[in-house]
Amino acid sequence: MMQETQSSDEGLNHQKTNRILSYTSNGMQMTDSVPRKEEIAEEDASTMATARFPTPEVSSSSSSEEAEEEEDKKVETHSSWCWGWLLYQHPGCVALLLFSILTTLLLVLVVPLAIFLSPGDRPTPSIIVHNDASSSSSSSPSHIPTATPSLRLPTIHPTQNPTTMAPTSPAPTSTEDRWMEWIVDASNLFDDNGGTALQEDGTPQARAFAWMTDHHQSSWADWASSRERVLQRYALTTFLFSTMGPEKAQSGWISRNQDVCEWSVLTYSSGNAVCNGQGLVVQMLLQHVDELHGTLPRELIFLSDSLEQLILRNSHVGGTIPTEYGLLTKLQSLDVASNSLTGTIPTELGSLAPALTWCNLAANTGLVGTLPTELFALTSCTYLGLAMLEGLSGTLPSQVGLLTHLTRLSLRGANLHGDIPTEIGHITLLTQLLLVDNAFSGSIPSEMGRLTDLLELDFRNNQARGSLPHEIFLLTHLRTCADQHLVGHCKQHFSLSL
């Protein structure tokens, strides 16, 4: 046994000596004459480990799949060990690496998304509203217009806020600040002189504003908390200062200590309520008021949320009809007959459809121009008064046939000429048709025979010639028929009053 042990030790020493040799491309050379202790210790440990735990040889018959699985396990073990070692030894570096990865992902995802969602110069979609006329009945003539005239709402361009405000009253309270701002902002909607008129001394707007800012008013709490009620108080005050003057208006027509619903200017001709449950004005009935003079102010459009009746008949109001009145879209009755209005009939009045059912512009000799076709878009109207408008000219548009709800049409003395349009036969609900004192020429259209509800027909003092169409004599409800210079006139066929 001792001899075997010595032989083994001699073999090991011989191996240690041989390992100090290194081989190069030129041959074998001696690198160190004596091996280092550390190397000997490592070799001893390696040799002993090999001796105790010999690595089993893999037979050549083992499958390649088992070899690949073994190699994958080694890679996974090595990778897990590397990450664990890196996280343990350098946690800051790992955190920085993860932060860099997350930041890169955010930049890649968020920046394009932000660019896509940014409004930029993307076009704003526009809304186009098309109004189609109601389909005609089977009995309607084929040449009746099938589409209403295009309507153009008043264009109101916002302007810059007034740079100076110089009310004559003392410094306002916080309550005043709020409603003063409402009035200024609303007035600046006017495109040319709305906000300017509020600042100019002596204008109805400036005087109304100063009157409202008077600190002696004791009922602010009743109206100053509502924007609509503030604007309607300003609108009515401006209306009276424009048509009466401040002195006359304050002589019993308006009061600082009353709500507008109690003002005499609104209760003068009405036995009914003039305001709704929210305290907003629904009626302005001022017919036969001799105190009214001056001009109509634009500010009445501040009543657009509530006003249903505007009756100023037989007063002395002058000036033009503001185009902004086309924004009073809840208006059901508009009667400004027998005043001193001037200018042309605003096309914007056609925008009052479908709410408007009564429109009377008669006896304003200062109105000039032609009848705008937009006026005949008021398809809900039951009465249209255009009599005694001597300043008008032109013809009666064929669009008159669109007024299918009309029961009374008065064109007496409207200075119209040309043929009577055949489309008039489409207004089958007519009970009164007054064409007297015009310059209509040509023949009477046979389509009038469709007006089976007609009670009164008058076409005297025109230039029409020829014979009355036979269809006229089929109007069995006719009670009054007046004609002139026509063969077979009304008196020969009806027992009617002339």
Protein backbone atom coordinates (compact mmCIF):
# COMPACT_ATOMS: atom_id res chain seq x y z
CA MET A 1 0.00 0.00 0.00
CA MET A 2 2.72 2.53 0.83
CA GLN A 3 4.44 1.82 -2.45
CA GLU A 4 1.23 2.47 -4.35
CA THR A 5 0.78 5.80 -2.53
CA GLN A 6 4.29 6.92 -3.29
CA SER A 7 3.86 6.00 -6.96
CA SER A 8 0.69 8.08 -7.07
CA ASP A 9 2.39 11.10 -5.48
CA GLU A 10 5.29 10.87 -7.89
CA GLY A 11 2.86 10.83 -10.81
CA LEU A 12 1.13 13.96 -9.54
CA ASN A 13 4.40 15.80 -9.09
CA HIS A 14 5.43 14.84 -12.56
CA GLN A 15 2.16 16.30 -13.96
CA LYS A 16 2.67 19.57 -12.02
CA THR A 17 6.16 19.96 -13.48
CA ASN A 18 5.01 19.35 -17.04
CA ARG A 19 2.23 22.05 -16.79
CA ILE A 20 4.75 24.81 -16.44
CA LEU A 21 5.67 24.33 -20.07
CA SER A 22 4.02 26.53 -22.66
CA TYR A 23 3.88 25.97 -26.37
CA THR A 24 4.40 28.62 -28.99
CA SER A 25 4.38 28.59 -32.78
CA ASN A 26 8.22 28.24 -32.80
CA GLY A 27 8.29 25.20 -30.57
CA MET A 28 8.28 24.30 -26.92
CA GLN A 29 9.86 26.78 -24.45
CA MET A 30 10.18 26.95 -20.66
CA THR A 31 8.22 29.85 -19.18
CA ASP A 32 8.93 29.35 -15.47
CA SER A 33 11.48 27.17 -13.85
CA VAL A 34 9.35 26.63 -10.68
CA PRO A 35 5.50 26.58 -10.53
CA ARG A 36 3.74 29.12 -8.26
CA LYS A 37 1.98 27.93 -5.12
CA GLU A 38 -1.36 29.37 -6.23
CA GLU A 39 -1.30 27.49 -9.49
CA ILE A 40 -0.36 24.26 -7.76
CA ALA A 41 -3.23 24.69 -5.31
CA GLU A 42 -5.75 25.34 -8.10
CA GLU A 43 -4.54 22.34 -10.06
CA ASP A 44 -4.73 20.14 -6.98
CA ALA A 45 -8.28 21.20 -6.33
CA SER A 46 -9.23 20.62 -9.94
CA THR A 47 -7.59 17.22 -10.01
CA MET A 48 -9.23 16.12 -6.78
CA ALA A 49 -12.63 17.29 -7.95
CA THR A 50 -12.17 15.36 -11.14
CA ALA A 51 -11.09 12.31 -9.29
CA ARG A 52 -13.98 12.37 -6.84
CA PHE A 53 -16.73 13.42 -9.26
CA PRO A 54 -15.80 12.19 -12.67
CA THR A 55 -17.86 13.68 -15.48
CA PRO A 56 -19.94 10.99 -17.05
CA GLU A 57 -19.23 10.49 -20.66
CA VAL A 58 -22.03 11.04 -23.06
CA SER A 59 -22.44 8.19 -25.34
CA SER A 60 -22.48 8.87 -29.01
CA SER A 61 -25.91 7.29 -29.17
CA SER A 62 -27.64 10.09 -27.07
CA SER A 63 -30.10 12.21 -29.05
CA SER A 64 -29.31 15.70 -30.30
CA GLU A 65 -32.56 17.01 -28.72
CA GLU A 66 -31.34 16.18 -25.23
CA ALA A 67 -28.09 18.00 -25.97
CA GLU A 68 -29.93 21.09 -27.13
CA GLU A 69 -32.18 21.10 -24.04
CA GLU A 70 -29.13 20.79 -21.82
CA GLU A 71 -27.47 23.69 -23.64
CA ASP A 72 -30.62 25.89 -23.25
CA LYS A 73 -30.71 25.21 -19.51
CA LYS A 74 -27.10 26.25 -19.24
CA VAL A 75 -27.81 29.48 -21.13
CA GLU A 76 -30.83 30.28 -18.93
CA THR A 77 -28.88 29.56 -15.79
CA HIS A 78 -26.02 31.71 -16.98
CA SER A 79 -28.35 34.56 -18.01
CA SER A 80 -30.23 34.54 -14.70
CA TRP A 81 -26.97 34.50 -12.82
CA CYS A 82 -25.65 37.45 -14.86
CA TRP A 83 -28.73 39.62 -14.25
CA GLY A 84 -28.80 38.73 -10.58
CA TRP A 85 -25.13 39.51 -10.23
CA LEU A 86 -25.55 42.82 -12.12
CA LEU A 87 -28.57 43.83 -9.99
CA TYR A 88 -26.68 42.96 -6.80
CA GLN A 89 -23.41 44.59 -7.71
CA HIS A 90 -24.68 47.65 -9.67
CA PRO A 91 -28.34 48.47 -8.81
CA GLY A 92 -27.94 52.11 -9.89
CA CYS A 93 -26.82 51.12 -13.36
CA VAL A 94 -29.76 48.74 -13.71
CA ALA A 95 -32.21 51.46 -12.60
CA LEU A 96 -30.68 53.93 -15.06
CA LEU A 97 -30.91 51.36 -17.84
CA LEU A 98 -34.59 50.66 -17.11
CA PHE A 99 -35.33 54.40 -16.93
CA SER A 100 -33.70 54.95 -20.31
CA ILE A 101 -35.77 52.15 -21.85
CA LEU A 102 -39.04 53.52 -20.43
CA THR A 103 -38.22 57.08 -21.53
CA THR A 104 -37.51 55.90 -25.06
CA LEU A 105 -40.82 54.04 -25.19
CA LEU A 106 -42.71 57.10 -23.94
CA LEU A 107 -41.08 59.32 -26.57
CA VAL A 108 -41.87 56.84 -29.30
CA LEU A 109 -45.53 56.48 -28.27
CA VAL A 110 -46.57 59.78 -26.69
CA VAL A 111 -45.01 62.31 -29.10
CA PRO A 112 -46.74 61.00 -32.26
CA LEU A 113 -50.01 60.72 -30.30
CA ALA A 114 -49.70 64.34 -29.12
CA ILE A 115 -48.98 65.52 -32.66
CA PHE A 116 -52.03 63.63 -33.92
CA LEU A 117 -54.37 65.02 -31.27
CA SER A 118 -53.11 68.59 -31.56
CA PRO A 119 -55.74 70.84 -33.27
CA GLY A 120 -53.06 72.56 -35.35
CA ASP A 121 -54.34 73.75 -38.68
CA ARG A 122 -56.96 71.06 -39.09
CA PRO A 123 -60.03 72.51 -40.82
CA THR A 124 -63.09 73.11 -38.69
CA PRO A 125 -66.11 71.23 -39.99
CA SER A 126 -68.87 73.47 -41.20
CA ILE A 127 -72.56 72.80 -40.85
CA ILE A 128 -74.73 73.48 -43.84
CA VAL A 129 -78.46 73.59 -43.26
CA HIS A 130 -80.75 72.99 -46.21
CA ASN A 131 -84.39 74.07 -45.98
CA ASP A 132 -86.71 72.10 -48.19
CA ALA A 133 -90.17 73.32 -48.88
CA SER A 134 -93.05 71.07 -48.00
CA SER A 135 -94.29 68.92 -50.82
CA SER A 136 -97.07 70.37 -52.86
CA SER A 137 -100.46 68.72 -53.05
CA SER A 138 -101.57 66.87 -56.16
CA SER A 139 -103.88 69.75 -57.05
CA SER A 140 -101.04 72.28 -57.04
CA PRO A 141 -99.92 73.62 -60.41
CA SER A 142 -96.66 72.16 -61.69
CA HIS A 143 -95.05 75.57 -61.90
CA ILE A 144 -95.44 76.35 -58.18
CA PRO A 145 -91.95 76.83 -56.69
CA THR A 146 -90.86 73.74 -54.74
CA ALA A 147 -88.11 75.35 -52.65
CA THR A 148 -88.19 78.31 -50.35
CA PRO A 149 -85.95 81.26 -51.13
CA SER A 150 -82.57 81.09 -49.44
CA LEU A 151 -82.49 83.17 -46.28
CA ARG A 152 -79.56 85.14 -44.97
CA LEU A 153 -79.48 85.79 -41.25
CA PRO A 154 -78.12 89.14 -40.11
CA THR A 155 -74.35 89.02 -39.86
CA ILE A 156 -73.15 90.22 -36.46
CA HIS A 157 -69.40 90.49 -36.11
CA PRO A 158 -67.98 90.78 -32.61
CA THR A 159 -65.77 93.82 -32.14
CA GLN A 160 -63.26 94.75 -29.53
CA ASN A 161 -64.54 95.77 -26.15
CA PRO A 162 -64.75 99.51 -25.63
CA THR A 163 -61.42 100.85 -24.47
CA THR A 164 -63.08 103.42 -22.26
CA MET A 165 -66.25 103.41 -20.24
CA ALA A 166 -67.35 106.70 -18.80
CA PRO A 167 -70.64 106.33 -16.96
CA THR A 168 -71.56 109.46 -15.08
CA SER A 169 -72.56 107.51 -11.97
CA PRO A 170 -70.25 106.84 -9.00
CA ALA A 171 -67.91 103.86 -8.87
CA PRO A 172 -69.98 100.67 -9.32
CA THR A 173 -70.48 97.95 -6.76
CA SER A 174 -69.70 94.31 -7.46
CA THR A 175 -73.34 93.76 -8.52
CA GLU A 176 -73.09 96.63 -10.96
CA ASP A 177 -69.79 95.34 -12.30
CA ARG A 178 -71.48 92.13 -13.34
CA TRP A 179 -74.49 93.53 -15.18
CA MET A 180 -72.57 96.45 -16.64
CA GLU A 181 -70.26 93.90 -18.24
CA TRP A 182 -73.29 92.04 -19.64
CA ILE A 183 -74.57 95.20 -21.31
CA VAL A 184 -71.17 96.16 -22.72
CA ASP A 185 -70.53 92.67 -24.10
CA ALA A 186 -73.98 92.47 -25.70
CA SER A 187 -73.65 95.94 -27.24
CA ASN A 188 -70.30 95.04 -28.78
CA LEU A 189 -72.00 92.41 -30.93
CA PHE A 190 -73.15 95.17 -33.27
CA ASP A 191 -70.80 95.44 -36.21
CA ASP A 192 -70.51 99.21 -36.59
CA ASN A 193 -71.92 101.53 -33.95
CA GLY A 194 -73.40 99.36 -31.19
CA GLY A 195 -70.56 99.58 -28.70
CA THR A 196 -69.64 103.06 -29.91
CA ALA A 197 -73.16 104.39 -29.30
CA LEU A 198 -72.93 103.17 -25.73
CA GLN A 199 -69.95 105.45 -25.13
CA GLU A 200 -71.02 108.56 -26.99
CA ASP A 201 -72.63 111.21 -24.84
CA GLY A 202 -76.22 112.03 -25.69
CA THR A 203 -77.11 108.79 -27.48
CA PRO A 204 -80.16 106.84 -26.27
CA GLN A 205 -77.85 103.94 -25.42
CA ALA A 206 -75.51 106.04 -23.26
CA ARG A 207 -78.41 107.77 -21.51
CA ALA A 208 -80.14 104.47 -20.81
CA PHE A 209 -76.91 103.04 -19.43
CA ALA A 210 -76.39 106.07 -17.17
CA TRP A 211 -80.00 105.90 -15.97
CA MET A 212 -79.58 102.24 -15.02
CA THR A 213 -76.37 102.88 -13.08
CA ASP A 214 -78.02 105.49 -10.89
CA HIS A 215 -77.43 104.44 -7.27
CA HIS A 216 -80.91 105.51 -6.23
CA GLN A 217 -82.42 102.41 -7.77
CA SER A 218 -83.69 100.24 -4.95
CA SER A 219 -84.77 97.06 -6.72
CA TRP A 220 -81.53 95.70 -8.07
CA ALA A 221 -82.02 92.34 -6.38
CA ASP A 222 -85.16 91.70 -8.43
CA TRP A 223 -83.52 91.93 -11.85
CA ALA A 224 -79.74 92.35 -11.59
CA SER A 225 -79.06 88.67 -10.92
CA SER A 226 -80.31 87.56 -14.35
CA ARG A 227 -78.50 88.42 -17.57
CA GLU A 228 -81.73 88.20 -19.60
CA ARG A 229 -83.59 90.57 -17.28
CA VAL A 230 -80.70 93.04 -17.19
CA LEU A 231 -80.55 93.14 -21.00
CA GLN A 232 -84.31 93.48 -21.38
CA ARG A 233 -84.34 96.41 -18.93
CA TYR A 234 -81.58 98.07 -20.92
CA ALA A 235 -83.32 97.31 -24.26
CA LEU A 236 -86.67 98.77 -23.18
CA THR A 237 -85.05 101.84 -21.64
CA THR A 238 -83.07 102.41 -24.84
CA PHE A 239 -86.24 101.94 -26.91
CA LEU A 240 -88.12 104.60 -24.94
CA PHE A 241 -85.19 107.01 -24.87
CA SER A 242 -84.92 106.56 -28.65
CA THR A 243 -88.62 106.97 -29.45
CA MET A 244 -89.73 109.38 -26.68
CA GLY A 245 -86.64 110.99 -25.26
CA PRO A 246 -85.43 110.63 -21.66
CA GLU A 247 -87.65 113.37 -20.21
CA LYS A 248 -90.89 112.03 -21.65
CA ALA A 249 -89.97 108.42 -20.85
CA GLN A 250 -89.35 109.24 -17.20
CA SER A 251 -92.63 111.09 -16.84
CA GLY A 252 -94.58 108.01 -15.87
CA TRP A 253 -93.70 105.48 -18.55
CA ILE A 254 -90.85 103.79 -16.70
CA SER A 255 -89.75 103.66 -13.07
CA ARG A 256 -86.48 102.87 -11.33
CA ASN A 257 -88.29 101.19 -8.46
CA GLN A 258 -90.41 98.86 -10.59
CA ASP A 259 -89.78 95.76 -12.57
CA VAL A 260 -90.21 96.26 -16.32
CA CYS A 261 -93.31 94.04 -16.28
CA GLU A 262 -95.00 96.81 -14.28
CA TRP A 263 -93.95 99.71 -16.48
CA SER A 264 -96.75 101.70 -18.06
CA VAL A 265 -95.13 101.46 -21.46
CA LEU A 266 -95.98 97.75 -21.50
CA THR A 267 -99.36 97.83 -19.78
CA TYR A 268 -100.65 100.86 -21.73
CA SER A 269 -102.65 98.93 -24.33
CA SER A 270 -102.77 95.48 -22.85
CA GLY A 271 -105.20 93.90 -20.49
CA ASN A 272 -103.19 90.70 -20.50
CA ALA A 273 -99.94 89.70 -18.88
CA VAL A 274 -96.96 91.19 -20.68
CA CYS A 275 -94.34 88.92 -19.10
CA ASN A 276 -93.95 85.18 -18.70
CA GLY A 277 -93.28 83.25 -15.51
CA GLN A 278 -89.56 84.05 -15.66
CA GLY A 279 -90.20 87.78 -15.72
CA LEU A 280 -89.30 88.12 -19.43
CA VAL A 281 -91.31 90.36 -21.75
CA VAL A 282 -93.52 88.59 -24.30
CA GLN A 283 -95.65 91.53 -25.53
CA MET A 284 -95.03 95.12 -26.59
CA LEU A 285 -98.43 96.54 -27.52
CA LEU A 286 -97.98 100.23 -28.32
CA GLN A 287 -100.52 101.00 -31.04
CA HIS A 288 -101.91 104.54 -31.23
CA VAL A 289 -99.27 105.99 -28.89
CA ASP A 290 -98.83 109.60 -29.96
CA GLU A 291 -95.82 110.06 -27.70
CA LEU A 292 -93.73 107.70 -29.83
CA HIS A 293 -91.36 109.44 -32.22
CA GLY A 294 -87.74 108.92 -33.16
CA THR A 295 -86.34 105.68 -34.55
CA LEU A 296 -86.38 101.98 -33.75
CA PRO A 297 -83.21 100.91 -31.89
CA ARG A 298 -81.43 97.67 -32.53
CA GLU A 299 -81.36 96.81 -28.85
CA LEU A 300 -84.81 95.22 -29.01
CA ILE A 301 -83.08 92.07 -30.22
CA PHE A 302 -82.03 91.57 -26.59
CA LEU A 303 -85.63 90.38 -26.14
CA SER A 304 -85.15 87.56 -28.65
CA ASP A 305 -85.50 84.86 -25.99
CA SER A 306 -89.07 85.83 -25.16
CA LEU A 307 -90.72 88.54 -27.32
CA GLU A 308 -93.73 87.20 -29.24
CA GLN A 309 -95.66 90.34 -30.18
CA LEU A 310 -94.30 93.70 -31.35
CA ILE A 311 -97.21 96.00 -32.16
CA LEU A 312 -96.37 99.64 -32.94
CA ARG A 313 -99.24 100.42 -35.31
CA ASN A 314 -100.45 104.00 -35.84
CA SER A 315 -97.62 105.75 -34.02
CA HIS A 316 -94.99 108.16 -35.34
CA VAL A 317 -91.93 105.94 -35.39
CA GLY A 318 -89.47 106.70 -38.20
CA GLY A 319 -86.14 105.54 -39.51
CA THR A 320 -85.34 102.16 -40.99
CA ILE A 321 -86.39 98.72 -39.82
CA PRO A 322 -83.21 97.30 -38.22
CA THR A 323 -82.00 94.21 -40.03
CA GLU A 324 -81.18 92.69 -36.64
CA TYR A 325 -84.92 92.23 -36.04
CA GLY A 326 -84.52 89.09 -38.10
CA LEU A 327 -83.07 87.57 -34.91
CA LEU A 328 -86.38 87.87 -33.04
CA THR A 329 -87.09 84.27 -33.95
CA LYS A 330 -89.87 83.81 -31.40
CA LEU A 331 -91.86 86.73 -32.79
CA GLN A 332 -95.38 85.74 -33.83
CA SER A 333 -96.84 89.16 -34.66
CA LEU A 334 -95.05 92.13 -36.23
CA ASP A 335 -97.20 95.18 -36.91
CA VAL A 336 -95.50 98.50 -37.70
CA ALA A 337 -98.21 99.80 -40.05
CA SER A 338 -99.08 103.49 -40.35
CA ASN A 339 -95.75 104.88 -39.22
CA SER A 340 -93.02 106.89 -40.94
CA LEU A 341 -90.55 104.12 -41.64
CA THR A 342 -88.06 104.55 -44.47
CA GLY A 343 -85.55 102.51 -46.43
CA THR A 344 -86.03 99.07 -47.93
CA ILE A 345 -87.84 96.09 -46.48
CA PRO A 346 -85.10 93.98 -44.85
CA THR A 347 -84.60 90.58 -46.41
CA GLU A 348 -83.76 89.33 -42.91
CA LEU A 349 -87.47 89.44 -42.01
CA GLY A 350 -87.74 86.16 -43.88
CA SER A 351 -85.75 84.60 -41.06
CA LEU A 352 -88.72 85.07 -38.72
CA ALA A 353 -90.25 81.90 -40.15
CA PRO A 354 -91.75 79.66 -38.97
CA ALA A 355 -92.92 81.50 -35.84
CA LEU A 356 -94.30 84.65 -37.51
CA THR A 357 -97.99 84.40 -38.39
CA TRP A 358 -98.91 88.11 -38.75
CA CYS A 359 -96.86 90.66 -40.68
CA ASN A 360 -98.17 94.16 -41.38
CA LEU A 361 -95.91 96.77 -42.98
CA ALA A 362 -98.69 98.78 -44.61
CA ALA A 363 -98.98 102.56 -44.89
CA ASN A 364 -95.28 103.39 -44.58
CA THR A 365 -94.88 105.53 -47.64
CA GLY A 366 -91.17 105.97 -47.01
CA LEU A 367 -90.42 102.30 -47.70
CA VAL A 368 -88.82 101.92 -51.13
CA GLY A 369 -87.39 99.30 -53.44
CA THR A 370 -88.85 95.99 -54.54
CA LEU A 371 -90.55 93.26 -52.57
CA PRO A 372 -87.75 90.90 -51.45
CA THR A 373 -88.37 87.29 -52.35
CA GLU A 374 -87.18 86.31 -48.85
CA LEU A 375 -90.34 87.90 -47.47
CA PHE A 376 -92.36 85.10 -49.04
CA ALA A 377 -90.47 82.51 -47.00
CA LEU A 378 -92.86 83.37 -44.14
CA THR A 379 -94.83 80.26 -44.93
CA SER A 380 -96.68 80.26 -41.58
CA CYS A 381 -98.15 83.73 -42.13
CA THR A 382 -101.92 84.04 -42.18
CA TYR A 383 -101.90 87.79 -42.87
CA LEU A 384 -99.49 89.85 -44.99
CA GLY A 385 -100.18 93.58 -45.19
CA LEU A 386 -98.30 95.46 -47.91
CA ALA A 387 -100.96 98.04 -48.75
CA MET A 388 -100.25 101.71 -49.45
CA LEU A 389 -96.53 101.33 -49.90
CA GLU A 390 -96.33 103.94 -52.62
CA GLY A 391 -92.56 103.98 -52.66
CA LEU A 392 -92.32 100.38 -53.84
CA SER A 393 -91.71 99.31 -57.41
CA GLY A 394 -91.33 96.11 -59.37
CA THR A 395 -93.53 93.05 -59.74
CA LEU A 396 -95.23 90.58 -57.45
CA PRO A 397 -92.75 87.66 -57.17
CA SER A 398 -93.93 84.19 -58.11
CA GLN A 399 -92.78 83.03 -54.65
CA VAL A 400 -96.07 84.42 -53.35
CA GLY A 401 -97.40 80.92 -54.04
CA LEU A 402 -95.34 79.63 -51.12
CA LEU A 403 -97.59 81.37 -48.57
CA THR A 404 -99.88 78.36 -48.30
CA HIS A 405 -101.27 79.35 -44.88
CA LEU A 406 -102.21 82.86 -45.94
CA THR A 407 -105.87 83.86 -45.51
CA ARG A 408 -105.55 87.61 -46.23
CA LEU A 409 -103.28 89.29 -48.77
CA SER A 410 -103.49 93.07 -49.10
CA LEU A 411 -101.52 94.73 -51.90
CA ARG A 412 -103.78 97.78 -52.25
CA GLY A 413 -101.82 100.72 -53.67
CA ALA A 414 -98.45 98.95 -53.54
CA ASN A 415 -97.41 100.40 -56.93
CA LEU A 416 -96.75 96.97 -58.43
CA HIS A 417 -96.87 96.21 -62.16
CA GLY A 418 -96.55 93.26 -64.53
CA ASP A 419 -98.63 90.12 -64.68
CA ILE A 420 -100.44 88.62 -61.73
CA PRO A 421 -98.44 85.41 -61.13
CA THR A 422 -100.33 82.19 -61.77
CA GLU A 423 -98.78 80.77 -58.57
CA ILE A 424 -101.31 82.82 -56.63
CA GLY A 425 -103.74 79.97 -57.24
CA HIS A 426 -101.73 77.85 -54.83
CA ILE A 427 -102.85 79.92 -51.82
CA THR A 428 -106.04 77.94 -51.45
CA LEU A 429 -106.87 79.23 -47.95
CA LEU A 430 -107.26 82.85 -49.11
CA THR A 431 -110.47 84.55 -48.06
CA GLN A 432 -109.42 88.11 -49.00
CA LEU A 433 -107.36 89.18 -52.03
CA LEU A 434 -106.95 92.92 -52.55
CA LEU A 435 -105.01 93.90 -55.69
CA VAL A 436 -106.69 97.28 -56.20
CA ASP A 437 -104.83 100.45 -57.25
CA ASN A 438 -101.77 98.88 -58.83
CA ALA A 439 -100.53 98.63 -62.40
CA PHE A 440 -101.04 94.91 -63.01
CA SER A 441 -101.38 94.13 -66.70
CA GLY A 442 -102.17 91.11 -68.79
CA SER A 443 -105.06 88.79 -68.09
CA ILE A 444 -106.53 87.47 -64.88
CA PRO A 445 -105.04 83.96 -64.33
CA SER A 446 -107.52 81.13 -64.47
CA GLU A 447 -105.71 79.57 -61.47
CA MET A 448 -107.72 81.95 -59.29
CA GLY A 449 -110.54 79.49 -59.72
CA ARG A 450 -108.78 77.30 -57.16
CA LEU A 451 -109.33 79.87 -54.40
CA THR A 452 -112.55 78.20 -53.35
CA ASP A 453 -112.62 79.86 -49.90
CA LEU A 454 -112.37 83.39 -51.34
CA LEU A 455 -114.89 85.86 -49.90
CA GLU A 456 -113.52 89.19 -51.17
CA LEU A 457 -111.77 89.88 -54.49
CA ASP A 458 -110.83 93.35 -55.67
CA PHE A 459 -108.67 94.10 -58.71
CA ARG A 460 -109.99 97.51 -59.69
CA ASN A 461 -107.81 100.29 -61.06
CA ASN A 462 -105.29 98.08 -62.80
CA GLN A 463 -104.31 97.74 -66.42
CA ALA A 464 -105.60 94.21 -66.91
CA ARG A 465 -107.73 93.72 -69.99
CA GLY A 466 -109.73 90.94 -71.53
CA SER A 467 -112.37 88.70 -70.03
CA LEU A 468 -112.77 87.26 -66.60
CA PRO A 469 -111.84 83.58 -66.72
CA HIS A 470 -114.75 81.21 -66.41
CA GLU A 471 -113.17 79.64 -63.31
CA ILE A 472 -113.82 82.85 -61.33
CA PHE A 473 -117.55 82.22 -61.60
CA LEU A 474 -117.14 78.89 -59.79
CA LEU A 475 -116.17 80.63 -56.55
CA THR A 476 -119.43 80.02 -54.77
CA HIS A 477 -118.37 81.64 -51.46
CA LEU A 478 -117.51 84.99 -53.06
CA ARG A 479 -119.35 87.89 -51.42
CA THR A 480 -117.49 90.91 -52.77
CA CYS A 481 -116.04 91.17 -56.25
CA ALA A 482 -114.89 94.42 -57.83
CA ASP A 483 -113.37 94.75 -61.27
CA GLN A 484 -113.03 97.34 -64.02
CA HIS A 485 -112.46 97.33 -67.78
CA LEU A 486 -113.12 93.61 -67.96
CA VAL A 487 -115.61 91.81 -70.15
CA GLY A 488 -118.11 89.77 -68.19
CA HIS A 489 -117.40 91.55 -64.94
CA CYS A 490 -118.47 90.43 -61.51
CA LYS A 491 -121.77 92.32 -61.39
CA GLN A 492 -123.13 90.47 -64.41
CA HIS A 493 -122.67 87.08 -62.80
CA PHE A 494 -123.03 87.64 -59.05
CA SER A 495 -125.40 89.52 -56.83
CA LEU A 496 -122.50 91.08 -55.00
CA SER A 497 -121.69 94.34 -53.30
CA LEU A 498 -119.26 96.51 -55.25
